[in-house]
């Protein structure tokens, strides 16, 4: 681990880093109560921030063999982030579970923008400058095109999603880390 800042606060919070994982040039903040940041074995996290703050009983999990070149992972309120095994995340990626501020219904005064989980399955490739927002679900063997904004639950894997907002632009694919 090189050039890492870890700020732990709150009560009963845990930071677990798997065997042979490499973290560099990143900041990890964990506070609140009963929260978990779990980084699986052989994960490479090149730069960025991992924040799980002011929450209770939430988690950020990054699965084994996943690579992250540069990302900001942020959990707000009662929501979590799950990133599966063998995923590949490029640079300048934002993954967040909430809006950080309230949007209220004019008639009732009720808040209408609650935080929601982000679920990224095994073997998802996320391109540069992508925003993955609350409620996103990506299935196995998905690719997210550069500069996309993803805010939907996709029920199809083996596809490319791209655009603002992201939509399925190609199906019936798989990806490989090697240039074949």
C-alpha atoms as a PDB file:
ATOM      1  CA  UNK A   1       0.000   0.000   0.000  1.00  0.00           C
ATOM      2  CA  UNK A   2       1.482   3.305  -1.145  1.00  0.00           C
ATOM      3  CA  UNK A   3       0.312   6.824  -0.347  1.00  0.00           C
ATOM      4  CA  UNK A   4      -2.870   5.707   1.408  1.00  0.00           C
ATOM      5  CA  UNK A   5      -4.852   7.829   3.841  1.00  0.00           C
ATOM      6  CA  UNK A   6      -7.211   5.875   6.093  1.00  0.00           C
ATOM      7  CA  UNK A   7      -9.623   7.732   8.377  1.00  0.00           C
ATOM      8  CA  UNK A   8     -11.602   5.501  10.722  1.00  0.00           C
ATOM      9  CA  UNK A   9     -14.258   6.779  13.095  1.00  0.00           C
ATOM     10  CA  UNK A  10     -17.581   5.814  14.587  1.00  0.00           C
ATOM     11  CA  UNK A  11     -18.237   2.462  16.236  1.00  0.00           C
ATOM     12  CA  UNK A  12     -17.812  -1.157  15.204  1.00  0.00           C
ATOM     13  CA  UNK A  13     -16.703  -0.352  11.653  1.00  0.00           C
ATOM     14  CA  UNK A  14     -14.448  -2.720   9.722  1.00  0.00           C
ATOM     15  CA  UNK A  15     -11.972  -2.356   6.872  1.00  0.00           C
ATOM     16  CA  UNK A  16     -10.919  -5.695   5.381  1.00  0.00           C
ATOM     17  CA  UNK A  17      -8.264  -5.905   2.672  1.00  0.00           C
ATOM     18  CA  UNK A  18      -7.750  -9.263   0.974  1.00  0.00           C
ATOM     19  CA  UNK A  19      -4.483 -11.069   0.445  1.00  0.00           C
ATOM     20  CA  UNK A  20      -2.230  -9.756  -2.340  1.00  0.00           C
ATOM     21  CA  UNK A  21      -4.379  -6.645  -2.891  1.00  0.00           C
ATOM     22  CA  UNK A  22      -2.614  -3.442  -3.945  1.00  0.00           C
ATOM     23  CA  UNK A  23      -3.972  -0.031  -2.962  1.00  0.00           C
ATOM     24  CA  UNK A  24      -2.190   3.172  -3.910  1.00  0.00           C
ATOM     25  CA  UNK A  25      -2.856   6.899  -4.014  1.00  0.00           C
ATOM     26  CA  UNK A  26      -6.243   6.639  -2.356  1.00  0.00           C
ATOM     27  CA  UNK A  27      -8.184   7.887   0.625  1.00  0.00           C
ATOM     28  CA  UNK A  28     -10.478   5.627   2.637  1.00  0.00           C
ATOM     29  CA  UNK A  29     -12.991   7.122   5.093  1.00  0.00           C
ATOM     30  CA  UNK A  30     -15.146   4.906   7.256  1.00  0.00           C
ATOM     31  CA  UNK A  31     -17.373   6.196  10.016  1.00  0.00           C
ATOM     32  CA  UNK A  32     -20.903   5.783  11.315  1.00  0.00           C
ATOM     33  CA  UNK A  33     -21.762   2.486  12.973  1.00  0.00           C
ATOM     34  CA  UNK A  34     -21.533  -1.214  12.002  1.00  0.00           C
ATOM     35  CA  UNK A  35     -20.270  -0.481   8.489  1.00  0.00           C
ATOM     36  CA  UNK A  36     -17.915  -2.524   6.323  1.00  0.00           C
ATOM     37  CA  UNK A  37     -15.479  -1.830   3.512  1.00  0.00           C
ATOM     38  CA  UNK A  38     -14.295  -5.141   2.090  1.00  0.00           C
ATOM     39  CA  UNK A  39     -11.663  -5.289  -0.616  1.00  0.00           C
ATOM     40  CA  UNK A  40     -11.247  -8.820  -1.916  1.00  0.00           C
ATOM     41  CA  UNK A  41      -8.046 -10.709  -2.673  1.00  0.00           C
ATOM     42  CA  UNK A  42      -5.838  -9.618  -5.568  1.00  0.00           C
ATOM     43  CA  UNK A  43      -7.722  -6.330  -6.073  1.00  0.00           C
ATOM     44  CA  UNK A  44      -5.702  -3.481  -7.570  1.00  0.00           C
ATOM     45  CA  UNK A  45      -7.036  -0.009  -6.700  1.00  0.00           C
ATOM     46  CA  UNK A  46      -4.856   2.553  -8.466  1.00  0.00           C
ATOM     47  CA  UNK A  47      -6.207   5.849  -7.163  1.00  0.00           C
ATOM     48  CA  UNK A  48      -9.296   7.510  -5.794  1.00  0.00           C
ATOM     49  CA  UNK A  49     -11.545   7.638  -2.766  1.00  0.00           C
ATOM     50  CA  UNK A  50     -13.643   5.090  -0.910  1.00  0.00           C
ATOM     51  CA  UNK A  51     -16.082   6.828   1.439  1.00  0.00           C
ATOM     52  CA  UNK A  52     -18.652   5.160   3.660  1.00  0.00           C
ATOM     53  CA  UNK A  53     -19.782   7.918   5.981  1.00  0.00           C
ATOM     54  CA  UNK A  54     -22.590   8.799   8.364  1.00  0.00           C
ATOM     55  CA  UNK A  55     -24.379   5.496   7.850  1.00  0.00           C
ATOM     56  CA  UNK A  56     -25.312   2.435   9.850  1.00  0.00           C
ATOM     57  CA  UNK A  57     -25.006  -1.181   8.715  1.00  0.00           C
ATOM     58  CA  UNK A  58     -23.964  -0.426   5.126  1.00  0.00           C
ATOM     59  CA  UNK A  59     -21.080  -1.738   3.043  1.00  0.00           C
ATOM     60  CA  UNK A  60     -18.806  -1.288   0.071  1.00  0.00           C
ATOM     61  CA  UNK A  61     -17.528  -4.582  -1.328  1.00  0.00           C
ATOM     62  CA  UNK A  62     -15.037  -5.004  -4.163  1.00  0.00           C
ATOM     63  CA  UNK A  63     -14.708  -8.591  -5.407  1.00  0.00           C
ATOM     64  CA  UNK A  64     -11.546 -10.599  -5.994  1.00  0.00           C
ATOM     65  CA  UNK A  65      -9.327  -9.860  -9.001  1.00  0.00           C
ATOM     66  CA  UNK A  66     -11.013  -6.532  -9.763  1.00  0.00           C
ATOM     67  CA  UNK A  67      -8.879  -3.663 -11.076  1.00  0.00           C
ATOM     68  CA  UNK A  68      -9.676   0.014 -10.523  1.00  0.00           C
ATOM     69  CA  UNK A  69      -7.487   2.612 -12.237  1.00  0.00           C
ATOM     70  CA  UNK A  70      -9.239   5.588 -10.624  1.00  0.00           C
ATOM     71  CA  UNK A  71     -12.607   5.885  -8.896  1.00  0.00           C
ATOM     72  CA  UNK A  72     -14.599   7.655  -6.211  1.00  0.00           C
ATOM     73  CA  UNK A  73     -16.958   5.280  -4.369  1.00  0.00           C
ATOM     74  CA  UNK A  74     -19.424   7.069  -2.087  1.00  0.00           C
ATOM     75  CA  UNK A  75     -22.154   5.548   0.080  1.00  0.00           C
ATOM     76  CA  UNK A  76     -24.828   7.874   1.420  1.00  0.00           C
ATOM     77  CA  UNK A  77     -27.452   6.895   3.969  1.00  0.00           C
ATOM     78  CA  UNK A  78     -29.076   3.455   3.937  1.00  0.00           C
ATOM     79  CA  UNK A  79     -27.534   2.017   0.765  1.00  0.00           C
ATOM     80  CA  UNK A  80     -24.503  -0.056  -0.247  1.00  0.00           C
ATOM     81  CA  UNK A  81     -22.162  -0.634  -3.185  1.00  0.00           C
ATOM     82  CA  UNK A  82     -21.311  -4.137  -4.411  1.00  0.00           C
ATOM     83  CA  UNK A  83     -18.733  -4.633  -7.167  1.00  0.00           C
ATOM     84  CA  UNK A  84     -18.294  -8.240  -8.283  1.00  0.00           C
ATOM     85  CA  UNK A  85     -15.270 -10.366  -9.089  1.00  0.00           C
ATOM     86  CA  UNK A  86     -12.908  -9.730 -12.012  1.00  0.00           C
ATOM     87  CA  UNK A  87     -14.354  -6.334 -12.906  1.00  0.00           C
ATOM     88  CA  UNK A  88     -12.293  -3.737 -14.750  1.00  0.00           C
ATOM     89  CA  UNK A  89     -12.831  -0.060 -13.943  1.00  0.00           C
ATOM     90  CA  UNK A  90     -10.992   2.638 -15.877  1.00  0.00           C
ATOM     91  CA  UNK A  91     -10.233   6.175 -14.593  1.00  0.00           C
ATOM     92  CA  UNK A  92     -12.361   9.124 -13.459  1.00  0.00           C
ATOM     93  CA  UNK A  93     -15.256   6.889 -12.376  1.00  0.00           C
ATOM     94  CA  UNK A  94     -17.875   8.011  -9.860  1.00  0.00           C
ATOM     95  CA  UNK A  95     -20.067   5.426  -8.126  1.00  0.00           C
ATOM     96  CA  UNK A  96     -22.520   6.821  -5.576  1.00  0.00           C
ATOM     97  CA  UNK A  97     -25.677   5.680  -3.837  1.00  0.00           C
ATOM     98  CA  UNK A  98     -27.355   9.027  -3.225  1.00  0.00           C
ATOM     99  CA  UNK A  99     -27.730  12.679  -4.111  1.00  0.00           C
ATOM    100  CA  UNK A 100     -26.388  14.071  -0.802  1.00  0.00           C
ATOM    101  CA  UNK A 101     -29.232  16.619  -0.668  1.00  0.00           C
ATOM    102  CA  UNK A 102     -33.016  16.335  -0.459  1.00  0.00           C
ATOM    103  CA  UNK A 103     -35.618  16.817  -3.168  1.00  0.00           C
ATOM    104  CA  UNK A 104     -39.058  17.381  -1.644  1.00  0.00           C
ATOM    105  CA  UNK A 105     -42.555  17.005  -3.048  1.00  0.00           C
ATOM    106  CA  UNK A 106     -44.247  20.438  -3.056  1.00  0.00           C
ATOM    107  CA  UNK A 107     -47.637  19.156  -1.900  1.00  0.00           C
ATOM    108  CA  UNK A 108     -46.629  16.703   0.815  1.00  0.00           C
ATOM    109  CA  UNK A 109     -43.172  17.890   1.782  1.00  0.00           C
ATOM    110  CA  UNK A 110     -42.043  14.250   1.570  1.00  0.00           C
ATOM    111  CA  UNK A 111     -38.551  13.512   0.368  1.00  0.00           C
ATOM    112  CA  UNK A 112     -38.632  11.859  -3.064  1.00  0.00           C
ATOM    113  CA  UNK A 113     -34.952  11.037  -3.681  1.00  0.00           C
ATOM    114  CA  UNK A 114     -33.877   8.306  -1.238  1.00  0.00           C
ATOM    115  CA  UNK A 115     -30.495   6.640  -1.610  1.00  0.00           C
ATOM    116  CA  UNK A 116     -30.451   3.228  -3.307  1.00  0.00           C
ATOM    117  CA  UNK A 117     -27.963   0.377  -3.649  1.00  0.00           C
ATOM    118  CA  UNK A 118     -25.565   0.033  -6.579  1.00  0.00           C
ATOM    119  CA  UNK A 119     -24.984  -3.560  -7.729  1.00  0.00           C
ATOM    120  CA  UNK A 120     -22.266  -4.384 -10.248  1.00  0.00           C
ATOM    121  CA  UNK A 121     -22.070  -8.103 -11.052  1.00  0.00           C
ATOM    122  CA  UNK A 122     -18.966 -10.179 -11.787  1.00  0.00           C
ATOM    123  CA  UNK A 123     -17.003  -9.330 -14.939  1.00  0.00           C
ATOM    124  CA  UNK A 124     -18.224  -5.829 -15.704  1.00  0.00           C
ATOM    125  CA  UNK A 125     -15.950  -3.419 -17.583  1.00  0.00           C
ATOM    126  CA  UNK A 126     -16.581   0.280 -16.896  1.00  0.00           C
ATOM    127  CA  UNK A 127     -14.947   2.792 -19.246  1.00  0.00           C
ATOM    128  CA  UNK A 128     -13.379   6.175 -18.509  1.00  0.00           C
ATOM    129  CA  UNK A 129     -15.379   9.113 -17.067  1.00  0.00           C
ATOM    130  CA  UNK A 130     -18.467   7.052 -16.216  1.00  0.00           C
ATOM    131  CA  UNK A 131     -20.954   7.981 -13.506  1.00  0.00           C
ATOM    132  CA  UNK A 132     -22.768   5.049 -11.888  1.00  0.00           C
ATOM    133  CA  UNK A 133     -25.628   6.441  -9.832  1.00  0.00           C
ATOM    134  CA  UNK A 134     -28.085   5.177  -7.217  1.00  0.00           C
ATOM    135  CA  UNK A 135     -30.261   2.232  -8.214  1.00  0.00           C
ATOM    136  CA  UNK A 136     -27.899   0.985 -10.912  1.00  0.00           C
ATOM    137  CA  UNK A 137     -27.715  -2.764 -11.502  1.00  0.00           C
ATOM    138  CA  UNK A 138     -25.271  -4.137 -14.087  1.00  0.00           C
ATOM    139  CA  UNK A 139     -25.299  -7.819 -15.036  1.00  0.00           C
ATOM    140  CA  UNK A 140     -22.295 -10.113 -15.777  1.00  0.00           C
ATOM    141  CA  UNK A 141     -20.197  -9.512 -18.898  1.00  0.00           C
ATOM    142  CA  UNK A 142     -21.530  -5.972 -19.335  1.00  0.00           C
ATOM    143  CA  UNK A 143     -19.446  -3.126 -20.747  1.00  0.00           C
ATOM    144  CA  UNK A 144     -20.205   0.522 -19.935  1.00  0.00           C
ATOM    145  CA  UNK A 145     -19.040   2.958 -22.610  1.00  0.00           C
ATOM    146  CA  UNK A 146     -16.842   5.948 -21.763  1.00  0.00           C
ATOM    147  CA  UNK A 147     -18.532   9.131 -20.511  1.00  0.00           C
ATOM    148  CA  UNK A 148     -21.838   7.361 -19.817  1.00  0.00           C
ATOM    149  CA  UNK A 149     -24.241   8.124 -16.971  1.00  0.00           C
ATOM    150  CA  UNK A 150     -25.816   4.936 -15.628  1.00  0.00           C
ATOM    151  CA  UNK A 151     -28.843   5.181 -13.339  1.00  0.00           C
ATOM    152  CA  UNK A 152     -30.994   2.161 -14.259  1.00  0.00           C
ATOM    153  CA  UNK A 153     -31.281  -1.490 -13.349  1.00  0.00           C
ATOM    154  CA  UNK A 154     -30.387  -3.570 -16.401  1.00  0.00           C
ATOM    155  CA  UNK A 155     -31.681  -7.147 -16.401  1.00  0.00           C
ATOM    156  CA  UNK A 156     -29.576  -8.271 -19.380  1.00  0.00           C
ATOM    157  CA  UNK A 157     -25.909  -9.273 -19.278  1.00  0.00           C
ATOM    158  CA  UNK A 158     -23.444  -9.750 -22.137  1.00  0.00           C
ATOM    159  CA  UNK A 159     -24.233  -6.282 -23.425  1.00  0.00           C
ATOM    160  CA  UNK A 160     -22.792  -2.808 -23.954  1.00  0.00           C
ATOM    161  CA  UNK A 161     -24.564   0.106 -22.291  1.00  0.00           C
ATOM    162  CA  UNK A 162     -23.638   3.659 -23.229  1.00  0.00           C
ATOM    163  CA  UNK A 163     -24.926   7.200 -23.385  1.00  0.00           C
ATOM    164  CA  UNK A 164     -26.565   9.837 -21.223  1.00  0.00           C
ATOM    165  CA  UNK A 165     -28.649   8.274 -19.864  1.00  0.00           C
ATOM    166  CA  UNK A 166     -27.090   4.883 -20.540  1.00  0.00           C
ATOM    167  CA  UNK A 167     -29.095   2.382 -22.573  1.00  0.00           C
ATOM    168  CA  UNK A 168     -28.287  -0.961 -24.171  1.00  0.00           C
ATOM    169  CA  UNK A 169     -26.559  -0.341 -27.508  1.00  0.00           C
ATOM    170  CA  UNK A 170     -25.263  -3.866 -28.246  1.00  0.00           C
ATOM    171  CA  UNK A 171     -26.145  -7.369 -27.002  1.00  0.00           C
ATOM    172  CA  UNK A 172     -24.555 -10.790 -27.361  1.00  0.00           C
ATOM    173  CA  UNK A 173     -21.003  -9.779 -26.384  1.00  0.00           C
ATOM    174  CA  UNK A 174     -18.323 -10.752 -23.911  1.00  0.00           C
ATOM    175  CA  UNK A 175     -15.106  -8.924 -23.130  1.00  0.00           C
ATOM    176  CA  UNK A 176     -11.495  -9.863 -22.493  1.00  0.00           C
ATOM    177  CA  UNK A 177      -8.715  -7.987 -20.697  1.00  0.00           C
ATOM    178  CA  UNK A 178      -6.338  -8.873 -23.533  1.00  0.00           C
ATOM    179  CA  UNK A 179      -6.390  -7.209 -26.926  1.00  0.00           C
ATOM    180  CA  UNK A 180      -6.994 -10.335 -29.029  1.00  0.00           C
END
